[in-house]
C-alpha atoms as a PDB file:
ATOM      1  CA  MET A   1      21.313 -12.778 -63.537  1.00  0.00           C
ATOM      2  CA  ARG A   2      20.866 -15.334 -60.783  1.00  0.00           C
ATOM      3  CA  ALA A   3      23.396 -13.491 -58.615  1.00  0.00           C
ATOM      4  CA  GLU A   4      21.600 -10.183 -59.149  1.00  0.00           C
ATOM      5  CA  ALA A   5      18.297 -11.767 -58.142  1.00  0.00           C
ATOM      6  CA  ASN A   6      19.856 -13.066 -54.931  1.00  0.00           C
ATOM      7  CA  VAL A   7      21.267  -9.656 -54.074  1.00  0.00           C
ATOM      8  CA  SER A   8      18.020  -7.788 -54.690  1.00  0.00           C
ATOM      9  CA  GLU A   9      15.866 -10.296 -52.835  1.00  0.00           C
ATOM     10  CA  PRO A  10      16.309  -8.848 -49.279  1.00  0.00           C
ATOM     11  CA  ALA A  11      15.365  -5.372 -50.531  1.00  0.00           C
ATOM     12  CA  ALA A  12      11.920  -6.686 -51.418  1.00  0.00           C
ATOM     13  CA  LEU A  13      10.934  -6.599 -47.682  1.00  0.00           C
ATOM     14  CA  PRO A  14      11.891  -3.078 -46.578  1.00  0.00           C
ATOM     15  CA  SER A  15       9.292  -2.645 -43.771  1.00  0.00           C
ATOM     16  CA  ARG A  16       7.795  -6.117 -43.655  1.00  0.00           C
ATOM     17  CA  GLY A  17       4.798  -4.722 -45.513  1.00  0.00           C
ATOM     18  CA  LYS A  18       3.033  -2.774 -42.708  1.00  0.00           C
ATOM     19  CA  SER A  19       3.457   0.441 -40.772  1.00  0.00           C
ATOM     20  CA  TRP A  20       3.154   0.648 -36.989  1.00  0.00           C
ATOM     21  CA  SER A  21      -0.416   1.953 -37.241  1.00  0.00           C
ATOM     22  CA  GLN A  22      -1.413  -1.002 -39.394  1.00  0.00           C
ATOM     23  CA  ARG A  23       0.219  -3.420 -36.968  1.00  0.00           C
ATOM     24  CA  LEU A  24      -1.565  -1.687 -34.078  1.00  0.00           C
ATOM     25  CA  ARG A  25      -4.942  -2.032 -35.777  1.00  0.00           C
ATOM     26  CA  LYS A  26      -4.229  -5.664 -36.520  1.00  0.00           C
ATOM     27  CA  THR A  27      -3.274  -6.319 -32.902  1.00  0.00           C
ATOM     28  CA  ILE A  28      -6.419  -4.594 -31.601  1.00  0.00           C
ATOM     29  CA  LYS A  29      -8.579  -6.545 -34.037  1.00  0.00           C
ATOM     30  CA  ARG A  30      -6.939  -9.817 -33.065  1.00  0.00           C
ATOM     31  CA  ASP A  31      -7.177  -9.244 -29.282  1.00  0.00           C
ATOM     32  CA  LYS A  32     -10.326  -7.129 -29.203  1.00  0.00           C
ATOM     33  CA  TYR A  33     -12.003  -9.244 -26.532  1.00  0.00           C
ATOM     34  CA  LEU A  34      -9.024  -8.931 -24.215  1.00  0.00           C
ATOM     35  CA  TYR A  35      -9.042  -5.159 -24.639  1.00  0.00           C
ATOM     36  CA  LEU A  36     -12.767  -5.078 -23.937  1.00  0.00           C
ATOM     37  CA  LEU A  37     -12.092  -7.072 -20.783  1.00  0.00           C
ATOM     38  CA  ILE A  38      -9.627  -4.521 -19.386  1.00  0.00           C
ATOM     39  CA  LEU A  39     -11.564  -1.486 -20.646  1.00  0.00           C
ATOM     40  CA  PRO A  40     -13.568  -0.976 -17.387  1.00  0.00           C
ATOM     41  CA  VAL A  41     -10.363  -1.018 -15.318  1.00  0.00           C
ATOM     42  CA  VAL A  42      -8.640   1.456 -17.644  1.00  0.00           C
ATOM     43  CA  ALA A  43     -11.729   3.698 -17.626  1.00  0.00           C
ATOM     44  CA  TYR A  44     -11.834   3.613 -13.821  1.00  0.00           C
ATOM     45  CA  TYR A  45      -8.222   4.762 -13.457  1.00  0.00           C
ATOM     46  CA  VAL A  46      -8.561   7.409 -16.155  1.00  0.00           C
ATOM     47  CA  VAL A  47     -11.774   8.901 -14.743  1.00  0.00           C
ATOM     48  CA  PHE A  48     -11.040   8.671 -11.018  1.00  0.00           C
ATOM     49  CA  HIS A  49      -7.229   8.888 -10.870  1.00  0.00           C
ATOM     50  CA  TYR A  50      -5.832  10.739 -13.881  1.00  0.00           C
ATOM     51  CA  VAL A  51      -8.536  13.257 -14.783  1.00  0.00           C
ATOM     52  CA  PRO A  52      -8.749  14.640 -11.204  1.00  0.00           C
ATOM     53  CA  MET A  53      -4.997  15.372 -11.347  1.00  0.00           C
ATOM     54  CA  TYR A  54      -5.978  18.504 -13.235  1.00  0.00           C
ATOM     55  CA  GLY A  55      -7.148  19.902  -9.889  1.00  0.00           C
ATOM     56  CA  ILE A  56      -3.556  19.906  -8.564  1.00  0.00           C
ATOM     57  CA  ILE A  57      -3.271  23.360 -10.136  1.00  0.00           C
ATOM     58  CA  ILE A  58      -5.187  24.893  -7.218  1.00  0.00           C
ATOM     59  CA  ALA A  59      -2.213  24.142  -4.951  1.00  0.00           C
ATOM     60  CA  PHE A  60      -0.528  27.079  -6.701  1.00  0.00           C
ATOM     61  CA  LYS A  61      -3.616  29.306  -6.842  1.00  0.00           C
ATOM     62  CA  LYS A  62      -5.905  31.086  -4.411  1.00  0.00           C
ATOM     63  CA  PHE A  63      -8.842  28.998  -5.447  1.00  0.00           C
ATOM     64  CA  GLN A  64     -12.264  30.614  -5.438  1.00  0.00           C
ATOM     65  CA  PRO A  65     -15.165  28.375  -6.540  1.00  0.00           C
ATOM     66  CA  LEU A  66     -16.987  31.230  -8.284  1.00  0.00           C
ATOM     67  CA  LYS A  67     -13.968  32.029 -10.459  1.00  0.00           C
ATOM     68  CA  GLY A  68     -13.035  28.415 -11.146  1.00  0.00           C
ATOM     69  CA  ILE A  69      -9.595  26.850 -11.353  1.00  0.00           C
ATOM     70  CA  LEU A  70      -8.298  28.849 -14.319  1.00  0.00           C
ATOM     71  CA  GLY A  71      -9.843  32.124 -13.164  1.00  0.00           C
ATOM     72  CA  SER A  72      -8.373  32.042  -9.648  1.00  0.00           C
ATOM     73  CA  ALA A  73      -5.318  34.150  -8.833  1.00  0.00           C
ATOM     74  CA  TRP A  74      -1.871  32.546  -9.100  1.00  0.00           C
ATOM     75  CA  VAL A  75       0.097  32.555  -5.801  1.00  0.00           C
ATOM     76  CA  GLY A  76       2.969  30.182  -6.632  1.00  0.00           C
ATOM     77  CA  PHE A  77       4.499  28.322  -3.683  1.00  0.00           C
ATOM     78  CA  ARG A  78       2.813  30.459  -1.040  1.00  0.00           C
ATOM     79  CA  TYR A  79       0.830  27.611   0.557  1.00  0.00           C
ATOM     80  CA  PHE A  80       3.857  25.306   0.612  1.00  0.00           C
ATOM     81  CA  GLU A  81       5.866  27.982   2.424  1.00  0.00           C
ATOM     82  CA  ASP A  82       3.028  28.516   4.905  1.00  0.00           C
ATOM     83  CA  PHE A  83       2.882  24.789   5.617  1.00  0.00           C
ATOM     84  CA  PHE A  84       6.649  24.399   6.038  1.00  0.00           C
ATOM     85  CA  SER A  85       6.797  27.346   8.454  1.00  0.00           C
ATOM     86  CA  ALA A  86       3.718  26.341  10.489  1.00  0.00           C
ATOM     87  CA  PRO A  87       4.276  25.292  14.131  1.00  0.00           C
ATOM     88  CA  TYR A  88       2.445  22.003  13.572  1.00  0.00           C
ATOM     89  CA  PHE A  89       4.576  20.977  10.551  1.00  0.00           C
ATOM     90  CA  TRP A  90       7.117  18.836  12.412  1.00  0.00           C
ATOM     91  CA  ARG A  91       4.425  17.252  14.584  1.00  0.00           C
ATOM     92  CA  LEU A  92       2.516  16.106  11.501  1.00  0.00           C
ATOM     93  CA  ILE A  93       5.685  14.797   9.836  1.00  0.00           C
ATOM     94  CA  LYS A  94       6.794  12.998  12.998  1.00  0.00           C
ATOM     95  CA  ASN A  95       3.438  11.349  13.646  1.00  0.00           C
ATOM     96  CA  THR A  96       3.022  10.303  10.013  1.00  0.00           C
ATOM     97  CA  LEU A  97       6.519   8.842   9.761  1.00  0.00           C
ATOM     98  CA  LEU A  98       6.300   7.012  13.096  1.00  0.00           C
ATOM     99  CA  LEU A  99       2.924   5.435  12.331  1.00  0.00           C
ATOM    100  CA  SER A 100       4.139   4.410   8.870  1.00  0.00           C
ATOM    101  CA  PHE A 101       7.464   3.140  10.193  1.00  0.00           C
ATOM    102  CA  TYR A 102       5.877   1.039  12.944  1.00  0.00           C
ATOM    103  CA  SER A 103       3.324  -0.343  10.488  1.00  0.00           C
ATOM    104  CA  LEU A 104       6.163  -1.284   8.131  1.00  0.00           C
ATOM    105  CA  ILE A 105       8.413  -2.825  10.791  1.00  0.00           C
ATOM    106  CA  TRP A 106       5.688  -4.895  12.462  1.00  0.00           C
ATOM    107  CA  GLY A 107       3.048  -5.194   9.774  1.00  0.00           C
ATOM    108  CA  PHE A 108       5.145  -6.069   6.721  1.00  0.00           C
ATOM    109  CA  PRO A 109       6.743  -9.289   8.093  1.00  0.00           C
ATOM    110  CA  ALA A 110       3.453 -10.539   9.624  1.00  0.00           C
ATOM    111  CA  PRO A 111       1.876 -11.997   6.427  1.00  0.00           C
ATOM    112  CA  ILE A 112       5.231 -13.485   5.403  1.00  0.00           C
ATOM    113  CA  LEU A 113       5.641 -15.320   8.705  1.00  0.00           C
ATOM    114  CA  PHE A 114       2.012 -16.399   8.638  1.00  0.00           C
ATOM    115  CA  ALA A 115       2.369 -17.791   5.094  1.00  0.00           C
ATOM    116  CA  LEU A 116       5.540 -19.681   6.038  1.00  0.00           C
ATOM    117  CA  LEU A 117       3.924 -21.211   9.121  1.00  0.00           C
ATOM    118  CA  LEU A 118       0.669 -22.009   7.343  1.00  0.00           C
ATOM    119  CA  ASN A 119       2.592 -23.752   4.590  1.00  0.00           C
ATOM    120  CA  GLU A 120       3.970 -26.189   7.150  1.00  0.00           C
ATOM    121  CA  VAL A 121       0.486 -27.257   8.320  1.00  0.00           C
ATOM    122  CA  ARG A 122      -0.268 -30.709   6.946  1.00  0.00           C
ATOM    123  CA  HIS A 123      -3.875 -31.100   8.159  1.00  0.00           C
ATOM    124  CA  LYS A 124      -5.854 -29.750   5.182  1.00  0.00           C
ATOM    125  CA  VAL A 125      -9.132 -29.090   7.022  1.00  0.00           C
ATOM    126  CA  PHE A 126      -7.397 -27.193   9.816  1.00  0.00           C
ATOM    127  CA  LYS A 127      -5.311 -25.270   7.274  1.00  0.00           C
ATOM    128  CA  LYS A 128      -8.395 -24.136   5.334  1.00  0.00           C
ATOM    129  CA  LEU A 129     -10.135 -23.166   8.558  1.00  0.00           C
ATOM    130  CA  VAL A 130      -7.208 -21.026   9.700  1.00  0.00           C
ATOM    131  CA  GLN A 131      -6.984 -19.380   6.269  1.00  0.00           C
ATOM    132  CA  THR A 132     -10.678 -18.524   6.250  1.00  0.00           C
ATOM    133  CA  VAL A 133     -10.630 -17.097   9.757  1.00  0.00           C
ATOM    134  CA  SER A 134      -7.535 -15.004   9.017  1.00  0.00           C
ATOM    135  CA  TYR A 135      -9.142 -13.516   5.871  1.00  0.00           C
ATOM    136  CA  LEU A 136     -12.367 -12.423   7.578  1.00  0.00           C
ATOM    137  CA  PRO A 137     -11.120  -9.188   9.251  1.00  0.00           C
ATOM    138  CA  HIS A 138     -10.118  -7.814   5.834  1.00  0.00           C
ATOM    139  CA  PHE A 139     -13.769  -7.750   4.769  1.00  0.00           C
ATOM    140  CA  ILE A 140     -14.949  -5.952   7.902  1.00  0.00           C
ATOM    141  CA  SER A 141     -15.624  -2.237   7.526  1.00  0.00           C
ATOM    142  CA  ILE A 142     -13.134   0.210   9.043  1.00  0.00           C
ATOM    143  CA  VAL A 143     -16.002   1.676  11.054  1.00  0.00           C
ATOM    144  CA  VAL A 144     -16.773  -1.738  12.547  1.00  0.00           C
ATOM    145  CA  ILE A 145     -13.082  -2.402  13.228  1.00  0.00           C
ATOM    146  CA  ALA A 146     -12.768   0.931  15.044  1.00  0.00           C
ATOM    147  CA  GLY A 147     -15.914   0.187  17.042  1.00  0.00           C
ATOM    148  CA  MET A 148     -14.525  -3.199  18.052  1.00  0.00           C
ATOM    149  CA  VAL A 149     -11.228  -1.630  19.123  1.00  0.00           C
ATOM    150  CA  VAL A 150     -13.025   1.004  21.206  1.00  0.00           C
ATOM    151  CA  SER A 151     -15.163  -1.705  22.835  1.00  0.00           C
ATOM    152  CA  PHE A 152     -12.206  -3.978  23.582  1.00  0.00           C
ATOM    153  CA  THR A 153     -10.157  -1.163  25.110  1.00  0.00           C
ATOM    154  CA  GLY A 154     -12.997   0.499  27.052  1.00  0.00           C
ATOM    155  CA  LEU A 155     -12.137   1.625  30.565  1.00  0.00           C
ATOM    156  CA  ARG A 156     -15.069  -0.055  32.298  1.00  0.00           C
ATOM    157  CA  GLU A 157     -16.457  -2.696  29.962  1.00  0.00           C
ATOM    158  CA  GLY A 158     -13.454  -3.432  27.769  1.00  0.00           C
ATOM    159  CA  ILE A 159     -12.269  -7.035  27.727  1.00  0.00           C
ATOM    160  CA  ILE A 160      -8.620  -5.951  27.895  1.00  0.00           C
ATOM    161  CA  ASN A 161      -9.138  -3.951  31.088  1.00  0.00           C
ATOM    162  CA  HIS A 162     -11.138  -6.812  32.587  1.00  0.00           C
ATOM    163  CA  ALA A 163      -8.141  -9.065  31.951  1.00  0.00           C
ATOM    164  CA  LEU A 164      -5.781  -6.498  33.505  1.00  0.00           C
ATOM    165  CA  VAL A 165      -7.914  -6.275  36.632  1.00  0.00           C
ATOM    166  CA  LEU A 166      -8.030 -10.073  36.946  1.00  0.00           C
ATOM    167  CA  LEU A 167      -4.229 -10.114  36.737  1.00  0.00           C
ATOM    168  CA  GLY A 168      -3.947  -7.520  39.493  1.00  0.00           C
ATOM    169  CA  PHE A 169      -3.175  -4.443  37.377  1.00  0.00           C
ATOM    170  CA  GLN A 170      -4.930  -1.092  37.253  1.00  0.00           C
ATOM    171  CA  PRO A 171      -7.266  -0.446  34.291  1.00  0.00           C
ATOM    172  CA  ILE A 172      -5.947   1.825  31.549  1.00  0.00           C
ATOM    173  CA  ASN A 173      -7.924   4.394  29.592  1.00  0.00           C
ATOM    174  CA  PHE A 174      -6.342   3.397  26.292  1.00  0.00           C
ATOM    175  CA  MET A 175      -8.347   5.748  24.071  1.00  0.00           C
ATOM    176  CA  ALA A 176      -7.402   8.814  26.156  1.00  0.00           C
ATOM    177  CA  GLU A 177      -3.692   8.039  26.459  1.00  0.00           C
ATOM    178  CA  PRO A 178      -1.567   9.487  23.584  1.00  0.00           C
ATOM    179  CA  GLY A 179       1.156   6.931  24.243  1.00  0.00           C
ATOM    180  CA  TRP A 180      -1.159   4.019  23.431  1.00  0.00           C
ATOM    181  CA  PHE A 181      -2.543   5.336  20.143  1.00  0.00           C
ATOM    182  CA  ARG A 182       0.287   4.067  17.901  1.00  0.00           C
ATOM    183  CA  THR A 183       0.190   0.614  19.496  1.00  0.00           C
ATOM    184  CA  ILE A 184      -3.575   0.363  19.027  1.00  0.00           C
ATOM    185  CA  PHE A 185      -3.448   1.688  15.451  1.00  0.00           C
ATOM    186  CA  VAL A 186      -0.619  -0.595  14.307  1.00  0.00           C
ATOM    187  CA  GLY A 187      -1.863  -3.654  16.198  1.00  0.00           C
ATOM    188  CA  SER A 188      -5.396  -3.423  14.822  1.00  0.00           C
ATOM    189  CA  GLY A 189      -3.985  -2.914  11.314  1.00  0.00           C
ATOM    190  CA  ILE A 190      -1.886  -6.061  11.577  1.00  0.00           C
ATOM    191  CA  TRP A 191      -4.842  -8.077  12.844  1.00  0.00           C
ATOM    192  CA  GLN A 192      -7.035  -6.857  10.008  1.00  0.00           C
ATOM    193  CA  GLY A 193      -4.556  -7.312   7.168  1.00  0.00           C
ATOM    194  CA  PHE A 194      -2.077 -10.116   7.837  1.00  0.00           C
ATOM    195  CA  GLY A 195      -4.363 -12.911   6.618  1.00  0.00           C
ATOM    196  CA  TRP A 196      -5.318 -11.181   3.380  1.00  0.00           C
ATOM    197  CA  GLY A 197      -1.725 -10.074   2.804  1.00  0.00           C
ATOM    198  CA  SER A 198      -0.498 -13.654   3.063  1.00  0.00           C
ATOM    199  CA  ILE A 199      -2.416 -14.710  -0.065  1.00  0.00           C
ATOM    200  CA  ILE A 200       0.239 -13.521  -2.487  1.00  0.00           C
ATOM    201  CA  TYR A 201       2.989 -15.247  -0.501  1.00  0.00           C
ATOM    202  CA  LEU A 202       1.039 -18.505  -0.340  1.00  0.00           C
ATOM    203  CA  ALA A 203       0.571 -18.281  -4.118  1.00  0.00           C
ATOM    204  CA  ALA A 204       4.320 -17.791  -4.554  1.00  0.00           C
ATOM    205  CA  ILE A 205       5.015 -20.777  -2.296  1.00  0.00           C
ATOM    206  CA  ALA A 206       2.630 -22.900  -4.360  1.00  0.00           C
ATOM    207  CA  GLY A 207       4.754 -22.140  -7.429  1.00  0.00           C
ATOM    208  CA  ILE A 208       7.953 -23.567  -5.949  1.00  0.00           C
ATOM    209  CA  ASP A 209       9.156 -26.752  -7.641  1.00  0.00           C
ATOM    210  CA  PRO A 210       8.251 -29.732  -5.360  1.00  0.00           C
ATOM    211  CA  GLN A 211      11.367 -31.550  -6.542  1.00  0.00           C
ATOM    212  CA  LEU A 212      13.464 -29.097  -4.535  1.00  0.00           C
ATOM    213  CA  TYR A 213      11.746 -30.208  -1.329  1.00  0.00           C
ATOM    214  CA  GLU A 214      12.053 -33.868  -2.299  1.00  0.00           C
ATOM    215  CA  ALA A 215      15.765 -33.530  -2.992  1.00  0.00           C
ATOM    216  CA  ALA A 216      16.320 -31.670   0.287  1.00  0.00           C
ATOM    217  CA  GLU A 217      14.346 -34.306   2.208  1.00  0.00           C
ATOM    218  CA  MET A 218      16.438 -37.067   0.653  1.00  0.00           C
ATOM    219  CA  ASP A 219      19.547 -35.204   1.825  1.00  0.00           C
ATOM    220  CA  GLY A 220      18.215 -35.267   5.384  1.00  0.00           C
ATOM    221  CA  ALA A 221      16.939 -31.675   5.632  1.00  0.00           C
ATOM    222  CA  GLY A 222      14.130 -31.211   8.144  1.00  0.00           C
ATOM    223  CA  ARG A 223      11.171 -28.831   7.910  1.00  0.00           C
ATOM    224  CA  TRP A 224      13.078 -25.884   9.335  1.00  0.00           C
ATOM    225  CA  LYS A 225      16.002 -26.258   6.946  1.00  0.00           C
ATOM    226  CA  ARG A 226      13.685 -26.736   3.948  1.00  0.00           C
ATOM    227  CA  MET A 227      11.800 -23.602   4.877  1.00  0.00           C
ATOM    228  CA  TRP A 228      14.985 -21.619   5.495  1.00  0.00           C
ATOM    229  CA  HIS A 229      16.953 -22.756   2.439  1.00  0.00           C
ATOM    230  CA  ILE A 230      14.178 -23.317  -0.143  1.00  0.00           C
ATOM    231  CA  THR A 231      10.901 -21.574   0.732  1.00  0.00           C
ATOM    232  CA  LEU A 232      12.258 -18.295   2.039  1.00  0.00           C
ATOM    233  CA  PRO A 233      14.838 -17.728  -0.754  1.00  0.00           C
ATOM    234  CA  SER A 234      12.136 -18.462  -3.336  1.00  0.00           C
ATOM    235  CA  LEU A 235       9.978 -15.739  -1.774  1.00  0.00           C
ATOM    236  CA  ILE A 236      12.663 -13.049  -1.932  1.00  0.00           C
ATOM    237  CA  PRO A 237      11.588 -11.574  -5.336  1.00  0.00           C
ATOM    238  CA  THR A 238       7.960 -11.356  -4.175  1.00  0.00           C
ATOM    239  CA  ILE A 239       8.995  -9.838  -0.856  1.00  0.00           C
ATOM    240  CA  VAL A 240      11.118  -7.227  -2.615  1.00  0.00           C
ATOM    241  CA  ILE A 241       8.288  -6.209  -4.967  1.00  0.00           C
ATOM    242  CA  MET A 242       5.786  -5.946  -2.111  1.00  0.00           C
ATOM    243  CA  PHE A 243       8.271  -3.932  -0.062  1.00  0.00           C
ATOM    244  CA  ILE A 244       8.797  -1.467  -2.916  1.00  0.00           C
ATOM    245  CA  MET A 245       5.053  -1.039  -3.347  1.00  0.00           C
ATOM    246  CA  GLN A 246       4.570  -0.449   0.363  1.00  0.00           C
ATOM    247  CA  MET A 247       7.366   2.110   0.431  1.00  0.00           C
ATOM    248  CA  GLY A 248       5.559   3.952  -2.355  1.00  0.00           C
ATOM    249  CA  SER A 249       2.630   4.528  -0.005  1.00  0.00           C
ATOM    250  CA  LEU A 250       4.635   5.000   3.184  1.00  0.00           C
ATOM    251  CA  MET A 251       3.226   8.460   3.870  1.00  0.00           C
ATOM    252  CA  ASP A 252      -0.358   7.434   3.122  1.00  0.00           C
ATOM    253  CA  ILE A 253      -2.235   6.668   6.320  1.00  0.00           C
ATOM    254  CA  GLY A 254      -5.934   5.934   6.149  1.00  0.00           C
ATOM    255  CA  VAL A 255      -7.731   9.041   7.321  1.00  0.00           C
ATOM    256  CA  GLU A 256     -10.904   7.131   8.243  1.00  0.00           C
ATOM    257  CA  LYS A 257      -9.268   4.890  10.805  1.00  0.00           C
ATOM    258  CA  VAL A 258      -7.263   7.703  12.407  1.00  0.00           C
ATOM    259  CA  LEU A 259     -10.380   9.882  12.717  1.00  0.00           C
ATOM    260  CA  LEU A 260     -12.378   7.036  14.242  1.00  0.00           C
ATOM    261  CA  LEU A 261      -9.725   6.078  16.793  1.00  0.00           C
ATOM    262  CA  SER A 262      -8.368   9.505  17.713  1.00  0.00           C
ATOM    263  CA  ASN A 263      -9.754  12.354  19.796  1.00  0.00           C
ATOM    264  CA  PRO A 264      -8.437  15.738  20.988  1.00  0.00           C
ATOM    265  CA  LEU A 265      -6.677  14.044  23.918  1.00  0.00           C
ATOM    266  CA  THR A 266      -4.491  11.978  21.572  1.00  0.00           C
ATOM    267  CA  TYR A 267      -3.708  14.612  18.910  1.00  0.00           C
ATOM    268  CA  ASP A 268      -0.075  14.752  20.037  1.00  0.00           C
ATOM    269  CA  THR A 269       0.474  11.291  18.546  1.00  0.00           C
ATOM    270  CA  SER A 270      -2.524  10.748  16.253  1.00  0.00           C
ATOM    271  CA  ASP A 271      -2.628  13.920  14.160  1.00  0.00           C
ATOM    272  CA  VAL A 272      -1.118  13.049  10.764  1.00  0.00           C
ATOM    273  CA  ILE A 273      -0.951  14.696   7.351  1.00  0.00           C
ATOM    274  CA  SER A 274      -4.061  12.966   6.021  1.00  0.00           C
ATOM    275  CA  THR A 275      -6.237  14.105   8.943  1.00  0.00           C
ATOM    276  CA  PHE A 276      -4.839  17.615   8.663  1.00  0.00           C
ATOM    277  CA  VAL A 277      -5.746  17.698   4.956  1.00  0.00           C
ATOM    278  CA  TYR A 278      -9.252  16.504   5.823  1.00  0.00           C
ATOM    279  CA  ARG A 279      -9.780  19.189   8.450  1.00  0.00           C
ATOM    280  CA  ARG A 280      -8.264  21.967   6.369  1.00  0.00           C
ATOM    281  CA  GLY A 281      -9.838  20.995   3.065  1.00  0.00           C
ATOM    282  CA  VAL A 282     -13.231  19.525   3.918  1.00  0.00           C
ATOM    283  CA  LEU A 283     -14.118  21.144   7.231  1.00  0.00           C
ATOM    284  CA  SER A 284     -12.435  24.540   6.783  1.00  0.00           C
ATOM    285  CA  GLN A 285     -12.916  24.566   2.977  1.00  0.00           C
ATOM    286  CA  ASP A 286      -9.370  25.845   2.443  1.00  0.00           C
ATOM    287  CA  TYR A 287      -9.001  23.821  -0.738  1.00  0.00           C
ATOM    288  CA  SER A 288      -5.778  25.367  -2.028  1.00  0.00           C
ATOM    289  CA  PHE A 289      -3.855  24.875   1.213  1.00  0.00           C
ATOM    290  CA  ALA A 290      -5.129  21.305   1.635  1.00  0.00           C
ATOM    291  CA  THR A 291      -4.203  20.471  -1.986  1.00  0.00           C
ATOM    292  CA  ALA A 292      -0.701  21.846  -1.465  1.00  0.00           C
ATOM    293  CA  VAL A 293      -0.194  19.674   1.627  1.00  0.00           C
ATOM    294  CA  GLY A 294      -1.575  16.607  -0.168  1.00  0.00           C
ATOM    295  CA  LEU A 295       0.695  17.256  -3.156  1.00  0.00           C
ATOM    296  CA  PHE A 296       3.713  17.524  -0.873  1.00  0.00           C
ATOM    297  CA  ASN A 297       2.765  14.189   0.701  1.00  0.00           C
ATOM    298  CA  ASN A 298       2.438  12.490  -2.706  1.00  0.00           C
ATOM    299  CA  VAL A 299       5.743  13.892  -3.933  1.00  0.00           C
ATOM    300  CA  ILE A 300       7.489  12.355  -0.903  1.00  0.00           C
ATOM    301  CA  ASN A 301       5.836   9.017  -1.726  1.00  0.00           C
ATOM    302  CA  LEU A 302       6.999   9.266  -5.342  1.00  0.00           C
ATOM    303  CA  ILE A 303      10.577  10.014  -4.291  1.00  0.00           C
ATOM    304  CA  LEU A 304      10.562   7.044  -1.904  1.00  0.00           C
ATOM    305  CA  LEU A 305       9.125   4.725  -4.577  1.00  0.00           C
ATOM    306  CA  VAL A 306      11.669   5.694  -7.237  1.00  0.00           C
ATOM    307  CA  SER A 307      14.603   5.605  -4.807  1.00  0.00           C
ATOM    308  CA  VAL A 308      13.766   2.222  -3.281  1.00  0.00           C
ATOM    309  CA  ASN A 309      13.038   0.748  -6.713  1.00  0.00           C
ATOM    310  CA  ALA A 310      16.409   1.933  -8.063  1.00  0.00           C
ATOM    311  CA  LEU A 311      18.228   0.627  -4.980  1.00  0.00           C
ATOM    312  CA  SER A 312      16.463  -2.733  -5.232  1.00  0.00           C
ATOM    313  CA  ARG A 313      17.272  -3.046  -8.933  1.00  0.00           C
ATOM    314  CA  ARG A 314      20.941  -2.462  -8.186  1.00  0.00           C
ATOM    315  CA  LEU A 315      21.187  -4.770  -5.164  1.00  0.00           C
ATOM    316  CA  SER A 316      18.769  -7.625  -5.885  1.00  0.00           C
ATOM    317  CA  GLN A 317      17.926  -7.392  -9.608  1.00  0.00           C
ATOM    318  CA  SER A 318      14.241  -7.257  -8.619  1.00  0.00           C
ATOM    319  CA  SER A 319      12.247  -4.096  -9.269  1.00  0.00           C
ATOM    320  CA  LEU A 320       8.950  -2.752 -10.556  1.00  0.00           C
ATOM    321  CA  TRP A 321      10.613  -1.371 -13.682  1.00  0.00           C
END
């Protein structure tokens, strides 16, 4: 009898007493305040990011506001074919890729280098001052940033042209020269974002075990070697994650800044997909065509995100999922 009792004892707990729905309710009841805390964020993304995705349907329809989305005629991939065969297609792709590529090449390393250099500053007051000053441009409106750029690069009153004249060079009409647009766009973006972007790297540096630096210092390693062999390798996982996230938005270029800095004289280098969608969708009210172009742009971003994430997971064991 004792042996039978021992054998039948495990069968007394077939499902640990509760179904998944009961466990879910228990979890929600236990952590209800945490769920309430994240509820506004979830609601924001649902209302402003997921619900509007229903409107993607008009990329495949000849949308007419009076008939609505479901009542409009289905045209399939007509607008995609029109966009791919348009004479401006390759110009838009080229300008978008070049602006994104230059922003990635020059803009991505900037906050990393700034964080590494700032970490080596030992004077606390000076370090806090530099941090504060570097963060300020992030909080300035894009409109103000564009106005500052236009003022600095002005042909007659711009401080840059005044400096060129003092050095013996001829003034340059930067805002009317297509060749200067990418430099101005990328340079102003780096100036505005490198300080704010360094926050996450400074936080990662703060999490490095101080004993590693102490051991390296006892072995005779100087500042450069400690930064190269301890700080930088410890930042690699963070750098990889940030790189993947940036690749996922490679084709997204802020339409506001491009519109504020560009003009018809610089369209050869400044006209990108986002500005084309704005003109075609908002100004020309060709909603279906603009939605098709925007969907194409987002699909490219999704492909880049998934591809880079898979490659990173295979090579460095660091990935978003």
